[in-house]
Amino acid sequence: DYQDLLYEKKKLIMQISMPSEINMLGHILNRVSEKDRLTRDFTLNNLTTAMIEVIANFPVYRTYASPQGVNERDRRYIEQAFSRAKRKNPALSTTVFEFLENVLLLQYPEHFEEGERKEWLDFVMRFQQMMGPIMAKGVEDTAFYIYNRFVSLNEVGGNPERFGTPLDTFHGMNIERTKFWPYAMITTMTHDTKRSEDVRARLDVLSEIPDEWRECLNRWSRINKSKKSNMEGQWVPDRNEEYLLYQTLLGVWPNTPMNDKEHEVFKNRIHDYMLKATREAKVHTSWISPNIPYEDALLKFIDAVLSGHLFIIDFQMLQKKVAYFGMFNSLGQTLLKMTSPGIPDFYQGTEIWDFSLVDPDNRRPVNFELRKERLAALKKRVETAGQNLSEYVRDLMREWKDGTIKLYLIYKALNYRRENPLLFMESHYIPLAGDGDKTEHLCAFVRQSEDQVVLIIIPRFLTSLIKEIDEAPLGAEVWGGSRLVLPEEIVGKHFRDLFTGETIERVERSGTGGLPLAKVFAHFPVAMLEEVSEAVCRQEGSKKEER
């Protein structure tokens, strides 16, 4: 159980990494308790134990109590932590917990003078400062390396128990951001990310093919069983570490074949990551007490796996599928970041594919010259094509493995943001839905200002729409007669795709207007449609005929 694991690992961190800080805080709480006749008999041990249990059961990183008091949200978190702590510790007096809860809620006794109130507040400030590091070390630097059920979810700010967000919830949160936090940052990767945005986009594909994933795991386990070492009855690696390794390889495997030098670099990256992961997990080895024989056996297994011909052939069959569909996930994620309410942020190097792991892997030097060359070539091709971009995006689709397709998406969308700032900074957010049998495969919304409209349309769950790797999710064969339904607020009849330059005409059906998805996704796997006049459509149509 994940919650039990968090509880256990936060207590472990307090025991092995922060014992002096906990001891100091316990003594402060003990001095505070001695100031009142109703609490002066509480022992240092009981007070410290209660404090440890409450921290271990806290559902968030920290609270933000201040001299002005405790807000309602923090109050709920505190009450939740104490409820859990009491339930787990029936032998510890409830009066000790009640005292500590009153302190954290700043519920001063009526007879308290200013000095006594200041002592309570001082303890609360120190307590809150302590909570964050304990949560970070216990969760991000321990539990995240043990709870390997689906490592795409093991991200700072994420929740490994939460498998996705319902579409209605996503739209509701974006509407709320528009009202209250329109300028908040949206980021998908930082220097502290456990896995890059593109690695997570790949791994997310596994959630769509659980049966196939399970079958592959069983085969790989049988193929690689003989490569394990036995140390005093313990197989190395254990099943959890082996499971982490397979997910890691799927996430970071290069798009193109590796030569001997590249393979050696790749192998060393996997070595470094798995050593860090097992030490952070603190199950068989750790930074404080490295188990060198165990680590050597783990590295030996990795080397054998990466040189195993039978495994690599089988592995690459799934890897190619995960990489291909992960590409669509990444493009959709990137477009959402650039067009949802907020300010998009890009970590260094993510302008093209970035398949990096936790530091120091994600802090390797970035080849900026390569990116500059790609961008210059891209700009030249775009300028030459004008609005007739459909041929270019088909080329990008064919050559998707080099990452230029992601750079193109970012280049076009960010330039459009710069040219139309009010459309993204001071505009309405309107969720869109589809009709037809492909509705569940759609995530779409409108950004609308007083005089401008842009539609964002992104496909999802594509593994059930197309079966063959390298078959593009484009055109009528995939989308049939399904439409994007336009609400009453959107009265335009013609829309131009920012990425392809193609115009799409509104189609009326059963009293509602809509855009055929077969045309929206005719040439490119995501769409950003700006409303244009009929005159502009005629003018551009004439230019195409001339060409």
Protein backbone atom coordinates (compact mmCIF):
# COMPACT_ATOMS: atom_id res chain seq x y z
CA ASP A 1 0.00 0.00 0.00
CA TYR A 2 1.46 3.34 -1.05
CA GLN A 3 0.24 5.25 2.01
CA ASP A 4 1.81 2.68 4.32
CA LEU A 5 5.05 2.97 2.36
CA LEU A 6 5.07 6.77 2.74
CA TYR A 7 4.45 6.45 6.46
CA GLU A 8 7.26 3.94 6.85
CA LYS A 9 9.81 5.88 4.80
CA LYS A 10 9.13 9.25 6.41
CA LYS A 11 9.74 7.62 9.77
CA LEU A 12 12.93 6.09 8.38
CA ILE A 13 14.20 9.51 7.26
CA MET A 14 13.48 11.01 10.69
CA GLN A 15 15.38 8.13 12.27
CA ILE A 16 18.50 7.97 10.08
CA SER A 17 18.81 11.39 8.41
CA MET A 18 17.31 13.93 10.80
CA PRO A 19 17.50 12.50 14.33
CA SER A 20 19.16 15.57 15.84
CA GLU A 21 16.55 17.91 14.33
CA ILE A 22 13.73 15.73 15.64
CA ASN A 23 15.38 15.54 19.06
CA MET A 24 15.73 19.33 19.19
CA LEU A 25 12.11 19.86 18.17
CA GLY A 26 10.97 17.33 20.77
CA HIS A 27 12.79 19.24 23.51
CA ILE A 28 11.19 22.51 22.39
CA LEU A 29 7.75 20.91 22.53
CA ASN A 30 8.55 19.50 25.96
CA ARG A 31 9.48 22.96 27.27
CA VAL A 32 6.25 24.35 25.84
CA SER A 33 4.22 21.63 27.57
CA GLU A 34 5.82 22.39 30.95
CA LYS A 35 4.33 25.90 30.94
CA ASP A 36 0.81 24.57 31.57
CA ARG A 37 -0.28 22.49 34.57
CA LEU A 38 -2.55 20.38 32.33
CA THR A 39 0.31 19.27 30.08
CA ARG A 40 3.44 19.49 32.22
CA ASP A 41 3.32 15.76 33.06
CA PHE A 42 3.70 14.67 29.44
CA THR A 43 7.04 12.92 28.99
CA LEU A 44 9.64 13.95 26.43
CA ASN A 45 9.42 10.49 24.88
CA ASN A 46 5.63 10.61 24.45
CA LEU A 47 5.70 14.10 23.01
CA THR A 48 8.47 13.23 20.54
CA THR A 49 6.71 10.02 19.54
CA ALA A 50 3.45 11.88 18.91
CA MET A 51 5.28 14.49 16.85
CA ILE A 52 7.00 11.84 14.73
CA GLU A 53 3.72 10.04 14.13
CA VAL A 54 1.95 13.21 13.06
CA ILE A 55 4.71 14.16 10.61
CA ALA A 56 4.74 10.63 9.18
CA ASN A 57 0.98 10.78 8.61
CA PHE A 58 0.84 14.28 7.12
CA PRO A 59 -0.83 14.28 3.67
CA VAL A 60 1.07 17.33 2.30
CA TYR A 61 4.60 18.71 2.36
CA ARG A 62 3.85 21.40 4.93
CA THR A 63 1.32 23.85 6.31
CA TYR A 64 1.56 27.64 6.34
CA ALA A 65 0.38 28.76 9.75
CA SER A 66 1.35 32.33 10.63
CA PRO A 67 0.85 34.85 13.44
CA GLN A 68 -2.54 35.50 11.83
CA GLY A 69 -3.59 31.89 12.41
CA VAL A 70 -4.26 28.73 10.40
CA ASN A 71 -6.32 28.77 7.21
CA GLU A 72 -9.16 26.32 6.63
CA ARG A 73 -7.27 24.13 4.18
CA ASP A 74 -4.31 23.67 6.52
CA ARG A 75 -6.72 22.99 9.36
CA ARG A 76 -8.16 20.07 7.39
CA TYR A 77 -4.68 18.70 6.69
CA ILE A 78 -3.74 18.90 10.37
CA GLU A 79 -6.94 17.20 11.47
CA GLN A 80 -6.41 14.47 8.89
CA ALA A 81 -2.84 13.84 10.09
CA PHE A 82 -3.94 13.55 13.71
CA SER A 83 -6.80 11.24 12.82
CA ARG A 84 -4.37 8.88 11.09
CA ALA A 85 -1.77 9.13 13.84
CA LYS A 86 -4.28 8.31 16.58
CA ARG A 87 -5.60 5.36 14.61
CA LYS A 88 -2.10 3.93 14.16
CA ASN A 89 -1.10 4.48 17.81
CA PRO A 90 -3.92 3.36 20.12
CA ALA A 91 -1.45 2.81 22.97
CA LEU A 92 -0.34 6.46 23.04
CA SER A 93 -2.50 8.75 25.17
CA THR A 94 -4.95 10.81 23.13
CA THR A 95 -4.32 13.74 25.46
CA VAL A 96 -0.77 14.03 24.12
CA PHE A 97 -2.10 14.14 20.56
CA GLU A 98 -4.77 16.67 21.56
CA PHE A 99 -2.16 18.95 23.09
CA LEU A 100 0.06 18.82 20.00
CA GLU A 101 -2.95 19.40 17.74
CA ASN A 102 -3.94 22.50 19.72
CA VAL A 103 -0.41 23.81 19.37
CA LEU A 104 -0.30 23.28 15.59
CA LEU A 105 -3.73 24.89 15.21
CA LEU A 106 -2.59 27.78 17.43
CA GLN A 107 -5.60 27.28 19.69
CA TYR A 108 -4.14 29.09 22.69
CA PRO A 109 -5.62 28.68 26.17
CA GLU A 110 -7.48 31.81 27.22
CA HIS A 111 -5.07 32.59 30.06
CA PHE A 112 -2.00 32.62 27.80
CA GLU A 113 0.02 35.82 27.74
CA GLU A 114 1.98 37.15 24.78
CA GLY A 115 5.23 35.36 25.71
CA GLU A 116 3.53 31.97 25.95
CA ARG A 117 1.76 32.49 22.63
CA LYS A 118 5.10 33.37 21.05
CA GLU A 119 6.60 30.08 22.28
CA TRP A 120 3.78 28.10 20.64
CA LEU A 121 4.16 30.03 17.40
CA ASP A 122 7.93 29.54 17.43
CA PHE A 123 7.47 25.78 17.73
CA VAL A 124 4.92 25.75 14.91
CA MET A 125 7.29 27.68 12.62
CA ARG A 126 10.10 25.20 13.31
CA PHE A 127 7.74 22.25 12.91
CA GLN A 128 6.56 23.49 9.51
CA GLN A 129 10.14 24.04 8.34
CA MET A 130 10.96 20.46 9.30
CA MET A 131 8.01 18.91 7.47
CA GLY A 132 9.15 19.79 3.95
CA PRO A 133 12.59 18.11 3.98
CA ILE A 134 11.17 15.00 5.66
CA MET A 135 8.46 14.71 3.04
CA ALA A 136 10.93 15.33 0.21
CA LYS A 137 13.48 12.80 1.45
CA GLY A 138 10.87 10.24 2.42
CA VAL A 139 8.78 10.51 -0.74
CA GLU A 140 10.86 11.83 -3.64
CA ASP A 141 14.18 10.32 -2.56
CA THR A 142 12.98 7.03 -1.10
CA ALA A 143 9.40 5.91 -1.78
CA PHE A 144 9.53 6.99 -5.44
CA TYR A 145 12.36 4.49 -5.95
CA ILE A 146 10.48 1.62 -4.30
CA TYR A 147 6.91 2.05 -5.49
CA ASN A 148 7.57 1.06 -9.10
CA ARG A 149 4.04 0.07 -10.12
CA PHE A 150 3.97 2.74 -12.87
CA VAL A 151 6.98 5.03 -12.64
CA SER A 152 5.59 7.66 -15.01
CA LEU A 153 3.53 8.82 -12.03
CA ASN A 154 6.51 9.02 -9.65
CA GLU A 155 7.16 12.69 -10.27
CA VAL A 156 7.70 15.68 -8.00
CA GLY A 157 4.27 17.17 -7.43
CA GLY A 158 2.59 14.01 -8.67
CA ASN A 159 0.79 11.16 -6.95
CA PRO A 160 1.64 7.53 -7.84
CA GLU A 161 -1.87 6.51 -6.79
CA ARG A 162 -3.57 8.84 -9.25
CA PHE A 163 -3.87 7.33 -12.72
CA GLY A 164 -4.75 10.32 -14.84
CA THR A 165 -7.31 13.09 -14.57
CA PRO A 166 -10.87 12.91 -15.98
CA LEU A 167 -11.33 15.22 -18.95
CA ASP A 168 -14.08 17.22 -17.23
CA THR A 169 -11.78 17.76 -14.24
CA PHE A 170 -8.97 18.91 -16.53
CA HIS A 171 -11.21 21.48 -18.19
CA GLY A 172 -12.59 22.61 -14.83
CA MET A 173 -9.10 23.20 -13.46
CA ASN A 174 -8.15 25.20 -16.56
CA ILE A 175 -11.23 27.40 -16.18
CA GLU A 176 -10.24 27.98 -12.56
CA ARG A 177 -6.68 28.87 -13.60
CA THR A 178 -8.08 31.37 -16.10
CA LYS A 179 -9.94 33.14 -13.31
CA PHE A 180 -7.42 33.02 -10.48
CA TRP A 181 -3.93 32.12 -11.80
CA PRO A 182 -3.75 33.14 -15.48
CA TYR A 183 -0.02 33.89 -15.22
CA ALA A 184 1.09 30.83 -13.24
CA MET A 185 3.92 28.79 -14.74
CA ILE A 186 3.21 25.54 -16.57
CA THR A 187 6.22 23.25 -16.66
CA THR A 188 6.68 19.63 -17.66
CA MET A 189 10.35 19.26 -16.72
CA THR A 190 12.94 20.81 -14.40
CA HIS A 191 16.48 20.14 -13.19
CA ASP A 192 14.91 18.00 -10.44
CA THR A 193 12.60 15.88 -12.61
CA LYS A 194 12.73 12.12 -12.04
CA ARG A 195 12.14 11.45 -15.74
CA SER A 196 11.99 13.81 -18.69
CA GLU A 197 8.69 14.87 -20.24
CA ASP A 198 9.32 12.67 -23.28
CA VAL A 199 10.19 9.62 -21.17
CA ARG A 200 6.92 9.99 -19.27
CA ALA A 201 5.02 10.45 -22.54
CA ARG A 202 6.43 7.12 -23.69
CA LEU A 203 5.70 5.26 -20.48
CA ASP A 204 2.13 6.57 -20.44
CA VAL A 205 1.51 4.39 -23.49
CA LEU A 206 1.77 1.33 -21.23
CA SER A 207 -1.43 2.40 -19.47
CA GLU A 208 -3.25 1.84 -22.78
CA ILE A 209 -1.87 -1.67 -23.41
CA PRO A 210 -1.78 -3.38 -19.97
CA ASP A 211 -2.30 -6.93 -21.28
CA GLU A 212 0.48 -6.64 -23.84
CA TRP A 213 2.74 -5.06 -21.22
CA ARG A 214 2.08 -7.93 -18.79
CA GLU A 215 2.85 -10.56 -21.43
CA CYS A 216 6.12 -8.85 -22.33
CA LEU A 217 7.17 -8.64 -18.70
CA ASN A 218 6.56 -12.34 -18.19
CA ARG A 219 8.59 -13.23 -21.29
CA TRP A 220 11.46 -10.92 -20.40
CA SER A 221 11.58 -12.28 -16.87
CA ARG A 222 11.90 -15.83 -18.22
CA ILE A 223 14.50 -14.83 -20.82
CA ASN A 224 16.69 -13.02 -18.26
CA LYS A 225 16.23 -15.32 -15.27
CA SER A 226 19.55 -17.08 -15.88
CA LYS A 227 21.37 -13.75 -15.84
CA LYS A 228 20.59 -13.10 -12.17
CA SER A 229 22.98 -13.77 -9.29
CA ASN A 230 22.09 -15.43 -6.01
CA MET A 231 23.52 -13.83 -2.89
CA GLU A 232 22.74 -15.70 0.30
CA GLY A 233 19.33 -16.74 -0.98
CA GLN A 234 18.54 -13.31 -2.48
CA TRP A 235 18.20 -12.99 -6.25
CA VAL A 236 19.87 -9.89 -7.67
CA PRO A 237 18.14 -7.83 -8.84
CA ASP A 238 14.90 -8.44 -6.98
CA ARG A 239 11.66 -8.42 -8.97
CA ASN A 240 10.89 -4.80 -8.12
CA GLU A 241 14.29 -3.58 -9.34
CA GLU A 242 14.02 -5.69 -12.50
CA TYR A 243 10.59 -4.16 -13.16
CA LEU A 244 12.07 -0.67 -12.77
CA LEU A 245 14.85 -1.54 -15.21
CA TYR A 246 12.44 -2.61 -17.95
CA GLN A 247 10.36 0.56 -17.59
CA THR A 248 13.54 2.63 -17.64
CA LEU A 249 14.81 0.99 -20.82
CA LEU A 250 11.48 1.57 -22.56
CA GLY A 251 11.57 5.21 -21.56
CA VAL A 252 15.10 6.12 -22.63
CA TRP A 253 15.94 3.76 -25.49
CA PRO A 254 17.21 5.85 -28.45
CA ASN A 255 15.04 6.28 -31.53
CA THR A 256 17.85 5.22 -33.85
CA PRO A 257 20.29 2.25 -33.72
CA MET A 258 23.38 2.72 -31.55
CA ASN A 259 26.96 2.11 -32.65
CA ASP A 260 29.43 0.53 -30.22
CA LYS A 261 30.49 3.84 -28.68
CA GLU A 262 26.90 5.03 -28.26
CA HIS A 263 25.92 1.67 -26.77
CA GLU A 264 28.69 1.96 -24.19
CA VAL A 265 27.57 5.49 -23.23
CA PHE A 266 23.98 4.28 -22.98
CA LYS A 267 24.97 1.31 -20.82
CA ASN A 268 26.89 3.58 -18.44
CA ARG A 269 23.85 5.86 -18.13
CA ILE A 270 21.71 2.87 -17.14
CA HIS A 271 24.41 1.77 -14.68
CA ASP A 272 24.47 5.18 -13.03
CA TYR A 273 20.70 5.44 -12.87
CA MET A 274 20.08 1.98 -11.43
CA LEU A 275 22.83 2.45 -8.84
CA LYS A 276 21.27 5.72 -7.76
CA ALA A 277 17.77 4.23 -7.75
CA THR A 278 18.73 1.26 -5.57
CA ARG A 279 20.72 3.42 -3.16
CA GLU A 280 17.88 5.93 -2.85
CA ALA A 281 15.43 3.07 -2.23
CA LYS A 282 17.54 1.98 0.79
CA VAL A 283 16.33 -1.61 0.53
CA HIS A 284 19.48 -3.57 -0.42
CA THR A 285 22.07 -0.77 -0.46
CA SER A 286 22.30 2.93 0.34
CA TRP A 287 24.51 5.98 0.06
CA ILE A 288 25.50 5.69 3.71
CA SER A 289 26.20 1.94 3.61
CA PRO A 290 26.84 0.83 0.02
CA ASN A 291 26.45 -2.91 -0.51
CA ILE A 292 29.18 -3.27 -3.12
CA PRO A 293 28.71 -7.01 -3.85
CA TYR A 294 24.99 -6.43 -4.43
CA GLU A 295 25.64 -3.44 -6.66
CA ASP A 296 28.24 -5.37 -8.68
CA ALA A 297 25.72 -8.18 -9.21
CA LEU A 298 23.13 -5.64 -10.34
CA LEU A 299 25.52 -4.10 -12.89
CA LYS A 300 26.46 -7.58 -14.11
CA PHE A 301 22.77 -8.30 -14.73
CA ILE A 302 22.31 -5.03 -16.64
CA ASP A 303 25.31 -5.82 -18.86
CA ALA A 304 23.97 -9.30 -19.59
CA VAL A 305 20.49 -7.95 -20.39
CA LEU A 306 21.80 -5.27 -22.75
CA SER A 307 23.96 -7.80 -24.61
CA GLY A 308 21.30 -10.51 -24.72
CA HIS A 309 20.33 -10.98 -28.36
CA LEU A 310 17.06 -12.80 -27.68
CA PHE A 311 15.91 -10.20 -25.15
CA ILE A 312 16.82 -7.20 -27.31
CA ILE A 313 14.87 -8.56 -30.29
CA ASP A 314 11.77 -9.13 -28.14
CA PHE A 315 12.22 -5.86 -26.24
CA GLN A 316 12.49 -3.73 -29.37
CA MET A 317 9.14 -4.95 -30.66
CA LEU A 318 7.39 -3.26 -27.73
CA GLN A 319 9.88 -0.40 -27.51
CA LYS A 320 9.17 0.73 -31.07
CA LYS A 321 5.45 0.77 -30.34
CA VAL A 322 5.89 2.70 -27.10
CA ALA A 323 8.23 5.21 -28.76
CA TYR A 324 5.85 5.78 -31.68
CA PHE A 325 2.72 6.35 -29.65
CA GLY A 326 4.76 8.21 -27.04
CA MET A 327 5.65 10.70 -29.77
CA PHE A 328 1.97 11.61 -30.16
CA ASN A 329 1.59 11.88 -26.38
CA SER A 330 4.55 14.25 -26.26
CA LEU A 331 3.27 16.48 -29.05
CA GLY A 332 -0.13 16.71 -27.37
CA GLN A 333 1.41 17.43 -23.98
CA THR A 334 3.63 20.15 -25.45
CA LEU A 335 0.74 21.86 -27.22
CA LEU A 336 -1.38 21.72 -24.07
CA LYS A 337 1.44 23.37 -22.13
CA MET A 338 1.70 26.21 -24.63
CA THR A 339 -2.03 26.91 -24.95
CA SER A 340 -3.57 26.17 -21.54
CA PRO A 341 -4.01 29.06 -19.08
CA GLY A 342 -0.60 30.00 -17.75
CA ILE A 343 2.97 30.69 -18.85
CA PRO A 344 4.74 27.75 -20.55
CA ASP A 345 8.24 26.90 -19.38
CA PHE A 346 10.81 24.82 -21.26
CA TYR A 347 13.76 23.08 -19.63
CA GLN A 348 17.04 23.23 -21.51
CA GLY A 349 17.22 20.81 -24.42
CA THR A 350 13.55 19.84 -24.53
CA GLU A 351 12.97 21.70 -27.80
CA ILE A 352 13.53 18.30 -29.46
CA TRP A 353 13.22 14.82 -27.96
CA ASP A 354 14.84 14.50 -24.55
CA PHE A 355 15.03 11.00 -23.08
CA SER A 356 16.84 11.74 -19.84
CA LEU A 357 16.50 10.44 -16.31
CA VAL A 358 17.01 11.95 -12.88
CA ASP A 359 20.09 14.07 -12.14
CA PRO A 360 22.86 13.97 -13.08
CA ASP A 361 21.50 12.45 -16.31
CA ASN A 362 19.18 15.42 -17.00
CA ARG A 363 22.02 17.89 -16.44
CA ARG A 364 24.29 16.67 -19.22
CA PRO A 365 25.51 19.34 -21.66
CA VAL A 366 22.91 20.28 -24.25
CA ASN A 367 23.90 20.37 -27.92
CA PHE A 368 22.60 23.86 -28.59
CA GLU A 369 24.41 24.07 -31.94
CA LEU A 370 22.35 21.15 -33.22
CA ARG A 371 19.16 22.86 -32.12
CA LYS A 372 20.19 26.15 -33.72
CA GLU A 373 20.91 24.39 -37.01
CA ARG A 374 17.58 22.57 -36.89
CA LEU A 375 15.72 25.79 -36.14
CA ALA A 376 17.45 27.70 -38.94
CA ALA A 377 16.62 24.97 -41.45
CA LEU A 378 13.07 24.83 -40.17
CA LYS A 379 12.57 28.58 -40.53
CA LYS A 380 13.90 28.50 -44.07
CA ARG A 381 11.54 25.69 -45.04
CA VAL A 382 8.55 27.43 -43.42
CA GLU A 383 9.31 30.73 -45.17
CA THR A 384 9.55 28.96 -48.51
CA ALA A 385 6.29 27.09 -47.99
CA GLY A 386 4.25 30.11 -46.88
CA GLN A 387 0.77 28.88 -45.94
CA ASN A 388 1.20 25.65 -47.94
CA LEU A 389 2.75 23.67 -45.11
CA SER A 390 1.01 20.32 -45.58
CA GLU A 391 3.89 18.82 -47.58
CA TYR A 392 6.43 19.92 -44.98
CA VAL A 393 4.50 18.45 -42.05
CA ARG A 394 4.21 15.16 -43.94
CA ASP A 395 8.01 15.16 -44.14
CA LEU A 396 8.19 15.90 -40.42
CA MET A 397 5.90 12.96 -39.72
CA ARG A 398 8.10 10.63 -41.78
CA GLU A 399 11.23 11.84 -39.97
CA TRP A 400 9.66 12.09 -36.50
CA LYS A 401 12.51 10.23 -34.82
CA ASP A 402 14.93 13.19 -35.08
CA GLY A 403 12.68 15.45 -32.98
CA THR A 404 12.30 18.27 -35.51
CA ILE A 405 8.55 17.72 -35.44
CA LYS A 406 8.51 18.80 -31.78
CA LEU A 407 10.68 21.83 -32.54
CA TYR A 408 8.30 22.82 -35.33
CA LEU A 409 5.30 22.54 -33.02
CA ILE A 410 6.99 24.75 -30.41
CA TYR A 411 8.20 27.26 -32.99
CA LYS A 412 4.77 27.76 -34.54
CA ALA A 413 2.77 27.86 -31.30
CA LEU A 414 5.11 30.17 -29.38
CA ASN A 415 5.32 32.62 -32.25
CA TYR A 416 1.54 32.66 -32.43
CA ARG A 417 1.40 33.35 -28.67
CA ARG A 418 3.84 36.23 -29.06
CA GLU A 419 1.80 37.74 -31.91
CA ASN A 420 -1.51 37.33 -30.03
CA PRO A 421 -0.73 37.88 -26.33
CA LEU A 422 -4.23 38.86 -25.21
CA LEU A 423 -5.65 35.67 -26.68
CA PHE A 424 -3.69 33.69 -24.08
CA MET A 425 -3.34 36.16 -21.22
CA GLU A 426 -6.81 37.72 -21.05
CA SER A 427 -9.28 35.34 -22.65
CA HIS A 428 -12.03 32.85 -21.97
CA TYR A 429 -11.48 29.11 -21.85
CA ILE A 430 -14.28 27.02 -23.37
CA PRO A 431 -14.15 23.19 -23.31
CA LEU A 432 -15.08 21.45 -26.55
CA ALA A 433 -16.53 18.00 -27.17
CA GLY A 434 -17.03 15.82 -30.20
CA ASP A 435 -19.79 13.75 -31.69
CA GLY A 436 -19.51 10.35 -33.31
CA ASP A 437 -17.72 7.22 -32.11
CA LYS A 438 -14.33 8.91 -31.63
CA THR A 439 -15.39 11.38 -28.91
CA GLU A 440 -13.37 9.73 -26.15
CA HIS A 441 -10.21 10.16 -28.23
CA LEU A 442 -10.47 13.95 -28.15
CA CYS A 443 -9.22 16.70 -25.85
CA ALA A 444 -10.15 20.13 -27.18
CA PHE A 445 -10.87 23.67 -26.03
CA VAL A 446 -11.17 27.27 -27.20
CA ARG A 447 -9.20 30.34 -26.15
CA GLN A 448 -11.41 33.33 -26.97
CA SER A 449 -10.76 37.05 -26.55
CA GLU A 450 -13.00 39.92 -27.62
CA ASP A 451 -12.05 39.67 -31.28
CA GLN A 452 -10.05 36.45 -31.66
CA VAL A 453 -10.64 32.71 -31.42
CA VAL A 454 -8.22 29.80 -31.49
CA LEU A 455 -9.18 26.12 -31.20
CA ILE A 456 -6.82 23.57 -29.66
CA ILE A 457 -7.51 19.95 -30.64
CA ILE A 458 -5.46 17.01 -29.40
CA PRO A 459 -6.05 13.27 -29.91
CA ARG A 460 -5.55 10.73 -27.14
CA PHE A 461 -5.67 6.95 -26.52
CA LEU A 462 -4.33 6.34 -30.02
CA THR A 463 -3.24 2.73 -29.50
CA SER A 464 -6.87 1.66 -29.95
CA LEU A 465 -7.33 3.82 -33.06
CA ILE A 466 -4.38 2.60 -35.10
CA LYS A 467 -2.81 -0.82 -34.83
CA GLU A 468 0.31 -0.66 -36.97
CA ILE A 469 3.46 1.16 -35.92
CA ASP A 470 4.17 4.06 -38.29
CA GLU A 471 0.52 4.20 -39.37
CA ALA A 472 -0.39 7.85 -38.80
CA PRO A 473 -3.61 8.68 -36.90
CA LEU A 474 -4.75 10.86 -39.79
CA GLY A 475 -7.63 11.13 -42.21
CA ALA A 476 -11.05 9.59 -42.70
CA GLU A 477 -9.86 6.00 -42.26
CA VAL A 478 -9.10 6.78 -38.62
CA TRP A 479 -11.62 9.49 -37.72
CA GLY A 480 -14.55 8.52 -39.93
CA GLY A 481 -17.47 10.93 -39.69
CA SER A 482 -16.75 12.17 -36.15
CA ARG A 483 -16.76 15.93 -35.61
CA LEU A 484 -15.56 18.56 -33.22
CA VAL A 485 -18.75 20.28 -32.05
CA LEU A 486 -18.60 24.08 -31.92
CA PRO A 487 -20.58 25.84 -29.16
CA GLU A 488 -22.88 28.79 -29.77
CA GLU A 489 -20.14 31.24 -28.76
CA ILE A 490 -18.11 30.22 -31.82
CA VAL A 491 -19.87 31.62 -34.89
CA GLY A 492 -17.01 31.47 -37.39
CA LYS A 493 -17.34 29.41 -40.54
CA HIS A 494 -13.71 29.06 -41.60
CA PHE A 495 -10.65 28.03 -39.59
CA ARG A 496 -7.00 27.80 -40.60
CA ASP A 497 -4.62 25.27 -39.07
CA LEU A 498 -1.51 26.98 -37.77
CA PHE A 499 0.62 23.87 -38.42
CA THR A 500 -0.53 22.92 -41.93
CA GLY A 501 -1.91 26.16 -43.35
CA GLU A 502 -5.01 24.26 -44.44
CA THR A 503 -8.47 25.83 -44.02
CA ILE A 504 -11.39 23.85 -42.65
CA GLU A 505 -15.00 24.81 -43.18
CA ARG A 506 -17.71 24.57 -40.56
CA VAL A 507 -20.29 21.84 -41.25
CA GLU A 508 -23.83 21.96 -39.88
CA ARG A 509 -25.46 18.77 -38.68
CA SER A 510 -28.60 18.28 -36.59
CA GLY A 511 -28.71 21.97 -35.80
CA THR A 512 -25.14 22.20 -34.53
CA GLY A 513 -21.98 23.38 -36.21
CA GLY A 514 -18.81 21.35 -36.19
CA LEU A 515 -15.52 20.54 -37.87
CA PRO A 516 -14.89 17.10 -39.41
CA LEU A 517 -12.06 15.43 -37.48
CA ALA A 518 -10.91 13.73 -40.67
CA LYS A 519 -10.04 17.22 -41.97
CA VAL A 520 -8.77 18.57 -38.64
CA PHE A 521 -6.32 15.65 -38.49
CA ALA A 522 -5.73 15.31 -42.23
CA HIS A 523 -1.98 16.04 -42.22
CA PHE A 524 -0.76 16.61 -38.64
CA PRO A 525 -1.54 14.77 -35.37
CA VAL A 526 -2.47 17.89 -33.34
CA ALA A 527 -4.28 21.04 -34.42
CA MET A 528 -4.35 24.72 -33.56
CA LEU A 529 -7.06 26.46 -35.59
CA GLU A 530 -7.48 30.20 -35.86
CA GLU A 531 -10.72 31.70 -37.11
CA VAL A 532 -10.35 33.42 -40.50
CA SER A 533 -12.73 35.30 -42.78
CA GLU A 534 -14.18 33.91 -45.99
CA ALA A 535 -12.23 36.54 -47.94
CA VAL A 536 -8.94 35.26 -46.53
CA CYS A 537 -9.94 31.71 -47.47
CA ARG A 538 -10.66 32.73 -51.07
CA GLN A 539 -7.40 34.65 -51.32
CA GLU A 540 -5.33 31.74 -50.04
CA GLY A 541 -7.23 29.32 -52.26
CA SER A 542 -6.32 31.42 -55.30
CA LYS A 543 -2.64 31.40 -54.32
CA LYS A 544 -2.65 27.61 -54.05
CA GLU A 545 -4.24 27.28 -57.48
CA GLU A 546 -1.54 29.55 -58.94
CA ARG A 547 1.17 27.38 -57.42
